[in-house]
Structure formats: structure tokens, C-alpha cells
Amino acid sequence: MFLIIDDSETDRLITRILLEESYSNHEVVDVESANKGIEWLKNNIPEERMCILLDIKMPELNGFEFLNLYEELPESVKQNTTIFMISSTLDPNDIQRANDHLHVRKLLEKPFDPASISI
């Protein structure tokens, strides 16, 4: 299963298409904000492995603020999820923060190669 969290409708659509073409046997869910992503996770605790594709730059809450809220979720959620941050950022601070974060497996540049992720 994949959860896409991105404020850009176009980027969500492109990411969805890439994932559905590469992982046709996995469900893909997308939400347009970090708040909705947290709410979705609270209401749909994953029972199977899930990848979260998290945009860095979003209004209201950015990707790093999402990660702060993610820390407060039950261990059962965190044990079954892998987070990949996705961004077109060139900001070295964002890149370093993403690469250093405990729950982020990898920072991927938009558009990303689906083969660079694994569930």
C-alpha cells in the first residue's frame, strides 16, 4: 500500500500513475495535506507494509511538521510504514534534514523512479 501526501494535484496524479504502473497489486491512496495524512493514518492503522510518499513543501504543515506529528502515532503505525520524502527542493538544509531523520528512508527527487522505493 502507498499513501501519497502532496499538496499538488498534478504531482499526486503523476505519482499515482507511476506507482500504479509499477506496483499494480498495491493500493494507492492520496491526500492533499499533512493534516489529512495524519488523520488518514489515525483512522486506517496499516496492517500490512505501507510506503508513505511525503512532499516537503506544503502549506499549513510541511513535510517535517508532518514527521513531528507522525512521532506521536502508535508504534503499530510506525512499525508498518516506510517514509520516502519527495521534493524538487535544492535547499541543502532540507536535503540534510530529510537524510538525517530517523523515520525517513530516503529523499527522492520529483519525479522519482518507482524502482528506487521498496515496500
N, C-alpha and C. Protein backbone atom coordinates (compact mmCIF):
# COMPACT_ATOMS: atom_id res chain seq x y z
N MET A 1 0.84 -1.18 0.00
CA MET A 1 0.00 0.00 0.00
C MET A 1 0.89 1.24 0.00
N PHE A 2 0.40 2.28 -0.67
CA PHE A 2 1.09 3.55 -0.74
C PHE A 2 0.16 4.67 -0.29
N LEU A 3 0.70 5.60 0.47
CA LEU A 3 -0.01 6.82 0.85
C LEU A 3 0.81 8.00 0.33
N ILE A 4 0.21 8.76 -0.60
CA ILE A 4 0.86 9.94 -1.16
C ILE A 4 0.33 11.15 -0.40
N ILE A 5 1.23 11.97 0.13
CA ILE A 5 0.85 13.20 0.82
C ILE A 5 1.54 14.35 0.09
N ASP A 6 0.75 15.10 -0.68
CA ASP A 6 1.30 16.16 -1.51
C ASP A 6 0.20 17.17 -1.80
N ASP A 7 0.50 18.45 -1.67
CA ASP A 7 -0.50 19.49 -1.91
C ASP A 7 -0.75 19.73 -3.39
N SER A 8 0.13 19.28 -4.26
CA SER A 8 -0.02 19.49 -5.70
C SER A 8 -0.85 18.37 -6.32
N GLU A 9 -1.99 18.73 -6.87
CA GLU A 9 -2.86 17.74 -7.52
C GLU A 9 -2.12 17.07 -8.68
N THR A 10 -1.37 17.84 -9.44
CA THR A 10 -0.63 17.30 -10.58
C THR A 10 0.42 16.30 -10.11
N ASP A 11 1.17 16.66 -9.07
CA ASP A 11 2.20 15.75 -8.56
C ASP A 11 1.59 14.48 -7.98
N ARG A 12 0.44 14.61 -7.31
CA ARG A 12 -0.24 13.42 -6.79
C ARG A 12 -0.65 12.50 -7.93
N LEU A 13 -1.18 13.08 -9.01
CA LEU A 13 -1.61 12.28 -10.15
C LEU A 13 -0.42 11.58 -10.80
N ILE A 14 0.67 12.30 -11.02
CA ILE A 14 1.86 11.70 -11.63
C ILE A 14 2.41 10.58 -10.74
N THR A 15 2.49 10.83 -9.44
CA THR A 15 2.99 9.82 -8.50
C THR A 15 2.09 8.60 -8.50
N ARG A 16 0.78 8.83 -8.49
CA ARG A 16 -0.19 7.72 -8.52
C ARG A 16 0.01 6.86 -9.78
N ILE A 17 0.13 7.51 -10.93
CA ILE A 17 0.30 6.78 -12.18
C ILE A 17 1.59 5.96 -12.16
N LEU A 18 2.69 6.58 -11.71
CA LEU A 18 3.96 5.86 -11.62
C LEU A 18 3.84 4.63 -10.73
N LEU A 19 3.20 4.80 -9.58
CA LEU A 19 3.07 3.68 -8.64
C LEU A 19 2.14 2.60 -9.17
N GLU A 20 1.02 3.00 -9.74
CA GLU A 20 0.06 2.01 -10.24
C GLU A 20 0.64 1.22 -11.41
N GLU A 21 1.48 1.85 -12.23
CA GLU A 21 2.11 1.13 -13.33
C GLU A 21 3.18 0.16 -12.83
N SER A 22 3.89 0.54 -11.78
CA SER A 22 4.99 -0.28 -11.27
C SER A 22 4.56 -1.29 -10.21
N TYR A 23 3.51 -0.97 -9.46
CA TYR A 23 3.07 -1.81 -8.35
C TYR A 23 1.56 -2.03 -8.47
N SER A 24 1.15 -2.67 -9.53
CA SER A 24 -0.28 -2.81 -9.82
C SER A 24 -1.05 -3.60 -8.76
N ASN A 25 -0.37 -4.38 -7.97
CA ASN A 25 -1.05 -5.17 -6.94
C ASN A 25 -1.11 -4.46 -5.58
N HIS A 26 -0.74 -3.17 -5.54
CA HIS A 26 -0.78 -2.41 -4.29
C HIS A 26 -1.79 -1.26 -4.40
N GLU A 27 -2.51 -1.05 -3.32
CA GLU A 27 -3.46 0.06 -3.27
C GLU A 27 -2.69 1.38 -3.14
N VAL A 28 -3.20 2.43 -3.80
CA VAL A 28 -2.61 3.76 -3.71
C VAL A 28 -3.68 4.73 -3.22
N VAL A 29 -3.37 5.42 -2.12
CA VAL A 29 -4.26 6.43 -1.54
C VAL A 29 -3.51 7.75 -1.60
N ASP A 30 -4.22 8.84 -1.88
CA ASP A 30 -3.54 10.14 -1.85
C ASP A 30 -4.38 11.16 -1.11
N VAL A 31 -3.67 12.04 -0.41
CA VAL A 31 -4.30 13.14 0.32
C VAL A 31 -3.53 14.41 0.01
N GLU A 32 -4.21 15.57 0.17
CA GLU A 32 -3.61 16.84 -0.26
C GLU A 32 -2.95 17.65 0.84
N SER A 33 -2.84 17.11 2.04
CA SER A 33 -2.18 17.87 3.10
C SER A 33 -1.60 16.94 4.16
N ALA A 34 -0.65 17.48 4.91
CA ALA A 34 -0.05 16.73 6.00
C ALA A 34 -1.08 16.40 7.07
N ASN A 35 -1.97 17.36 7.37
CA ASN A 35 -3.02 17.11 8.35
C ASN A 35 -3.91 15.94 7.94
N LYS A 36 -4.29 15.91 6.66
CA LYS A 36 -5.13 14.82 6.18
C LYS A 36 -4.37 13.50 6.18
N GLY A 37 -3.07 13.56 5.96
CA GLY A 37 -2.26 12.34 6.03
C GLY A 37 -2.23 11.77 7.44
N ILE A 38 -2.05 12.63 8.43
CA ILE A 38 -2.06 12.17 9.83
C ILE A 38 -3.43 11.60 10.18
N GLU A 39 -4.49 12.30 9.80
CA GLU A 39 -5.85 11.81 10.09
C GLU A 39 -6.10 10.47 9.42
N TRP A 40 -5.65 10.33 8.18
CA TRP A 40 -5.83 9.07 7.47
C TRP A 40 -5.12 7.94 8.23
N LEU A 41 -3.90 8.19 8.67
CA LEU A 41 -3.14 7.16 9.39
C LEU A 41 -3.82 6.81 10.72
N LYS A 42 -4.37 7.80 11.41
CA LYS A 42 -5.06 7.53 12.68
C LYS A 42 -6.30 6.67 12.47
N ASN A 43 -6.97 6.86 11.33
CA ASN A 43 -8.21 6.14 11.07
C ASN A 43 -8.02 4.85 10.28
N ASN A 44 -6.83 4.62 9.79
CA ASN A 44 -6.55 3.45 8.95
C ASN A 44 -5.21 2.84 9.32
N ILE A 45 -5.09 2.39 10.55
CA ILE A 45 -3.82 1.84 11.01
C ILE A 45 -3.44 0.68 10.09
N PRO A 46 -2.27 0.77 9.45
CA PRO A 46 -1.90 -0.25 8.47
C PRO A 46 -1.62 -1.61 9.12
N GLU A 47 -2.19 -2.63 8.53
CA GLU A 47 -1.94 -4.00 8.99
C GLU A 47 -0.88 -4.66 8.14
N GLU A 48 -0.58 -4.05 7.02
CA GLU A 48 0.46 -4.55 6.12
C GLU A 48 1.48 -3.43 5.89
N ARG A 49 2.58 -3.78 5.26
CA ARG A 49 3.60 -2.77 4.97
C ARG A 49 3.02 -1.67 4.10
N MET A 50 3.40 -0.43 4.40
CA MET A 50 2.92 0.71 3.65
C MET A 50 4.06 1.69 3.47
N CYS A 51 4.14 2.27 2.27
CA CYS A 51 5.09 3.34 1.98
C CYS A 51 4.34 4.66 1.97
N ILE A 52 4.89 5.63 2.65
CA ILE A 52 4.36 6.99 2.63
C ILE A 52 5.30 7.81 1.76
N LEU A 53 4.74 8.48 0.75
CA LEU A 53 5.49 9.38 -0.11
C LEU A 53 5.10 10.78 0.31
N LEU A 54 5.99 11.48 0.97
CA LEU A 54 5.70 12.72 1.66
C LEU A 54 6.42 13.90 1.01
N ASP A 55 5.64 14.87 0.54
CA ASP A 55 6.21 16.09 -0.02
C ASP A 55 6.80 16.93 1.12
N ILE A 56 7.85 17.66 0.84
CA ILE A 56 8.45 18.54 1.85
C ILE A 56 7.71 19.87 1.93
N LYS A 57 7.54 20.52 0.80
CA LYS A 57 6.98 21.88 0.76
C LYS A 57 5.46 21.82 0.59
N MET A 58 4.73 22.11 1.68
CA MET A 58 3.27 22.15 1.65
C MET A 58 2.81 23.29 2.55
N PRO A 59 1.66 23.89 2.23
CA PRO A 59 1.12 24.93 3.12
C PRO A 59 0.58 24.29 4.41
N GLU A 60 0.24 25.09 5.35
CA GLU A 60 -0.24 24.67 6.68
C GLU A 60 0.85 23.91 7.42
N LEU A 61 1.02 22.64 7.13
CA LEU A 61 2.09 21.83 7.72
C LEU A 61 2.98 21.32 6.61
N ASN A 62 4.28 21.52 6.73
CA ASN A 62 5.19 20.97 5.72
C ASN A 62 5.53 19.51 6.08
N GLY A 63 6.34 18.90 5.26
CA GLY A 63 6.69 17.50 5.49
C GLY A 63 7.38 17.25 6.82
N PHE A 64 8.22 18.18 7.25
CA PHE A 64 8.92 18.00 8.52
C PHE A 64 7.97 18.15 9.71
N GLU A 65 7.00 19.03 9.58
CA GLU A 65 5.98 19.16 10.63
C GLU A 65 5.11 17.91 10.69
N PHE A 66 4.84 17.30 9.53
CA PHE A 66 4.14 16.02 9.50
C PHE A 66 4.93 14.99 10.30
N LEU A 67 6.25 14.96 10.09
CA LEU A 67 7.08 13.98 10.79
C LEU A 67 7.00 14.16 12.31
N ASN A 68 6.89 15.39 12.78
CA ASN A 68 6.74 15.63 14.22
C ASN A 68 5.45 15.01 14.74
N LEU A 69 4.36 15.15 13.98
CA LEU A 69 3.08 14.55 14.38
C LEU A 69 3.12 13.03 14.23
N TYR A 70 3.82 12.56 13.23
CA TYR A 70 3.98 11.12 12.99
C TYR A 70 4.63 10.45 14.20
N GLU A 71 5.58 11.14 14.83
CA GLU A 71 6.26 10.62 16.01
C GLU A 71 5.28 10.26 17.13
N GLU A 72 4.15 10.96 17.18
CA GLU A 72 3.16 10.75 18.24
C GLU A 72 2.19 9.61 17.94
N LEU A 73 2.24 9.04 16.73
CA LEU A 73 1.34 7.95 16.36
C LEU A 73 1.74 6.67 17.08
N PRO A 74 0.83 5.73 17.20
CA PRO A 74 1.15 4.46 17.87
C PRO A 74 2.29 3.72 17.17
N GLU A 75 3.02 2.96 17.94
CA GLU A 75 4.13 2.17 17.39
C GLU A 75 3.65 1.24 16.29
N SER A 76 2.42 0.75 16.38
CA SER A 76 1.89 -0.16 15.36
C SER A 76 1.85 0.50 13.99
N VAL A 77 1.66 1.80 13.95
CA VAL A 77 1.69 2.54 12.68
C VAL A 77 3.13 2.65 12.19
N LYS A 78 4.01 3.08 13.07
CA LYS A 78 5.40 3.32 12.67
C LYS A 78 6.12 2.03 12.28
N GLN A 79 5.75 0.92 12.88
CA GLN A 79 6.41 -0.35 12.56
C GLN A 79 6.06 -0.84 11.16
N ASN A 80 4.90 -0.44 10.67
CA ASN A 80 4.45 -0.93 9.36
C ASN A 80 4.60 0.09 8.24
N THR A 81 5.23 1.21 8.50
CA THR A 81 5.35 2.23 7.47
C THR A 81 6.81 2.58 7.19
N THR A 82 7.05 2.92 5.95
CA THR A 82 8.34 3.43 5.50
C THR A 82 8.06 4.76 4.82
N ILE A 83 8.82 5.78 5.18
CA ILE A 83 8.59 7.11 4.62
C ILE A 83 9.70 7.47 3.65
N PHE A 84 9.27 7.88 2.46
CA PHE A 84 10.15 8.46 1.46
C PHE A 84 9.69 9.90 1.28
N MET A 85 10.58 10.85 1.48
CA MET A 85 10.22 12.24 1.19
C MET A 85 10.45 12.47 -0.29
N ILE A 86 9.55 13.22 -0.89
CA ILE A 86 9.66 13.54 -2.32
C ILE A 86 9.64 15.06 -2.46
N SER A 87 10.54 15.57 -3.27
CA SER A 87 10.63 17.02 -3.39
C SER A 87 11.45 17.40 -4.60
N SER A 88 11.28 18.62 -5.02
CA SER A 88 12.14 19.20 -6.05
C SER A 88 13.06 20.23 -5.43
N THR A 89 13.19 20.21 -4.11
CA THR A 89 13.99 21.19 -3.39
C THR A 89 15.48 21.07 -3.74
N LEU A 90 16.11 22.21 -3.76
CA LEU A 90 17.57 22.27 -3.89
C LEU A 90 18.20 22.79 -2.61
N ASP A 91 17.36 23.06 -1.61
CA ASP A 91 17.82 23.60 -0.33
C ASP A 91 18.64 22.54 0.41
N PRO A 92 19.93 22.79 0.60
CA PRO A 92 20.77 21.79 1.27
C PRO A 92 20.30 21.47 2.69
N ASN A 93 19.67 22.43 3.37
CA ASN A 93 19.16 22.16 4.73
C ASN A 93 18.02 21.15 4.69
N ASP A 94 17.11 21.30 3.72
CA ASP A 94 16.02 20.33 3.58
C ASP A 94 16.56 18.93 3.27
N ILE A 95 17.52 18.90 2.36
CA ILE A 95 18.10 17.61 1.97
C ILE A 95 18.76 16.94 3.17
N GLN A 96 19.53 17.72 3.93
CA GLN A 96 20.21 17.16 5.11
C GLN A 96 19.21 16.71 6.16
N ARG A 97 18.19 17.54 6.43
CA ARG A 97 17.19 17.18 7.43
C ARG A 97 16.46 15.89 7.05
N ALA A 98 16.12 15.76 5.78
CA ALA A 98 15.43 14.54 5.33
C ALA A 98 16.35 13.33 5.47
N ASN A 99 17.58 13.46 5.04
CA ASN A 99 18.51 12.33 5.10
C ASN A 99 18.86 11.94 6.52
N ASP A 100 18.80 12.89 7.46
CA ASP A 100 19.16 12.61 8.85
C ASP A 100 17.99 12.12 9.70
N HIS A 101 16.76 12.23 9.20
CA HIS A 101 15.60 11.92 10.03
C HIS A 101 15.46 10.41 10.25
N LEU A 102 15.19 10.04 11.47
CA LEU A 102 15.06 8.64 11.87
C LEU A 102 14.04 7.87 11.03
N HIS A 103 12.91 8.49 10.71
CA HIS A 103 11.84 7.77 10.02
C HIS A 103 11.85 7.92 8.51
N VAL A 104 12.78 8.67 7.97
CA VAL A 104 12.82 8.86 6.52
C VAL A 104 13.86 7.91 5.93
N ARG A 105 13.39 7.04 5.05
CA ARG A 105 14.31 6.09 4.41
C ARG A 105 15.21 6.81 3.41
N LYS A 106 14.59 7.74 2.63
CA LYS A 106 15.35 8.37 1.57
C LYS A 106 14.59 9.59 1.05
N LEU A 107 15.32 10.58 0.55
CA LEU A 107 14.72 11.72 -0.14
C LEU A 107 14.82 11.45 -1.63
N LEU A 108 13.66 11.51 -2.30
CA LEU A 108 13.60 11.27 -3.74
C LEU A 108 13.26 12.56 -4.46
N GLU A 109 13.90 12.78 -5.59
CA GLU A 109 13.64 13.98 -6.38
C GLU A 109 12.44 13.73 -7.28
N LYS A 110 11.54 14.74 -7.36
CA LYS A 110 10.37 14.66 -8.23
C LYS A 110 10.79 14.89 -9.67
N PRO A 111 10.21 14.20 -10.61
CA PRO A 111 9.50 12.93 -10.46
C PRO A 111 10.51 11.83 -10.17
N PHE A 112 10.11 10.87 -9.38
CA PHE A 112 11.05 9.84 -8.95
C PHE A 112 10.87 8.55 -9.77
N ASP A 113 11.87 7.71 -9.68
CA ASP A 113 11.85 6.40 -10.32
C ASP A 113 11.22 5.42 -9.34
N PRO A 114 10.07 4.82 -9.67
CA PRO A 114 9.43 3.88 -8.74
C PRO A 114 10.33 2.72 -8.31
N ALA A 115 11.31 2.38 -9.12
CA ALA A 115 12.23 1.30 -8.74
C ALA A 115 13.12 1.69 -7.57
N SER A 116 13.17 3.00 -7.24
CA SER A 116 14.02 3.45 -6.14
C SER A 116 13.37 3.29 -4.78
N ILE A 117 12.13 2.80 -4.75
CA ILE A 117 11.45 2.55 -3.48
C ILE A 117 11.14 1.07 -3.34
N SER A 118 10.98 0.64 -2.12
CA SER A 118 10.60 -0.74 -1.87
C SER A 118 9.69 -0.79 -0.66
N ILE A 119 8.77 -1.68 -0.70
CA ILE A 119 7.84 -1.82 0.43
C ILE A 119 8.41 -2.82 1.40
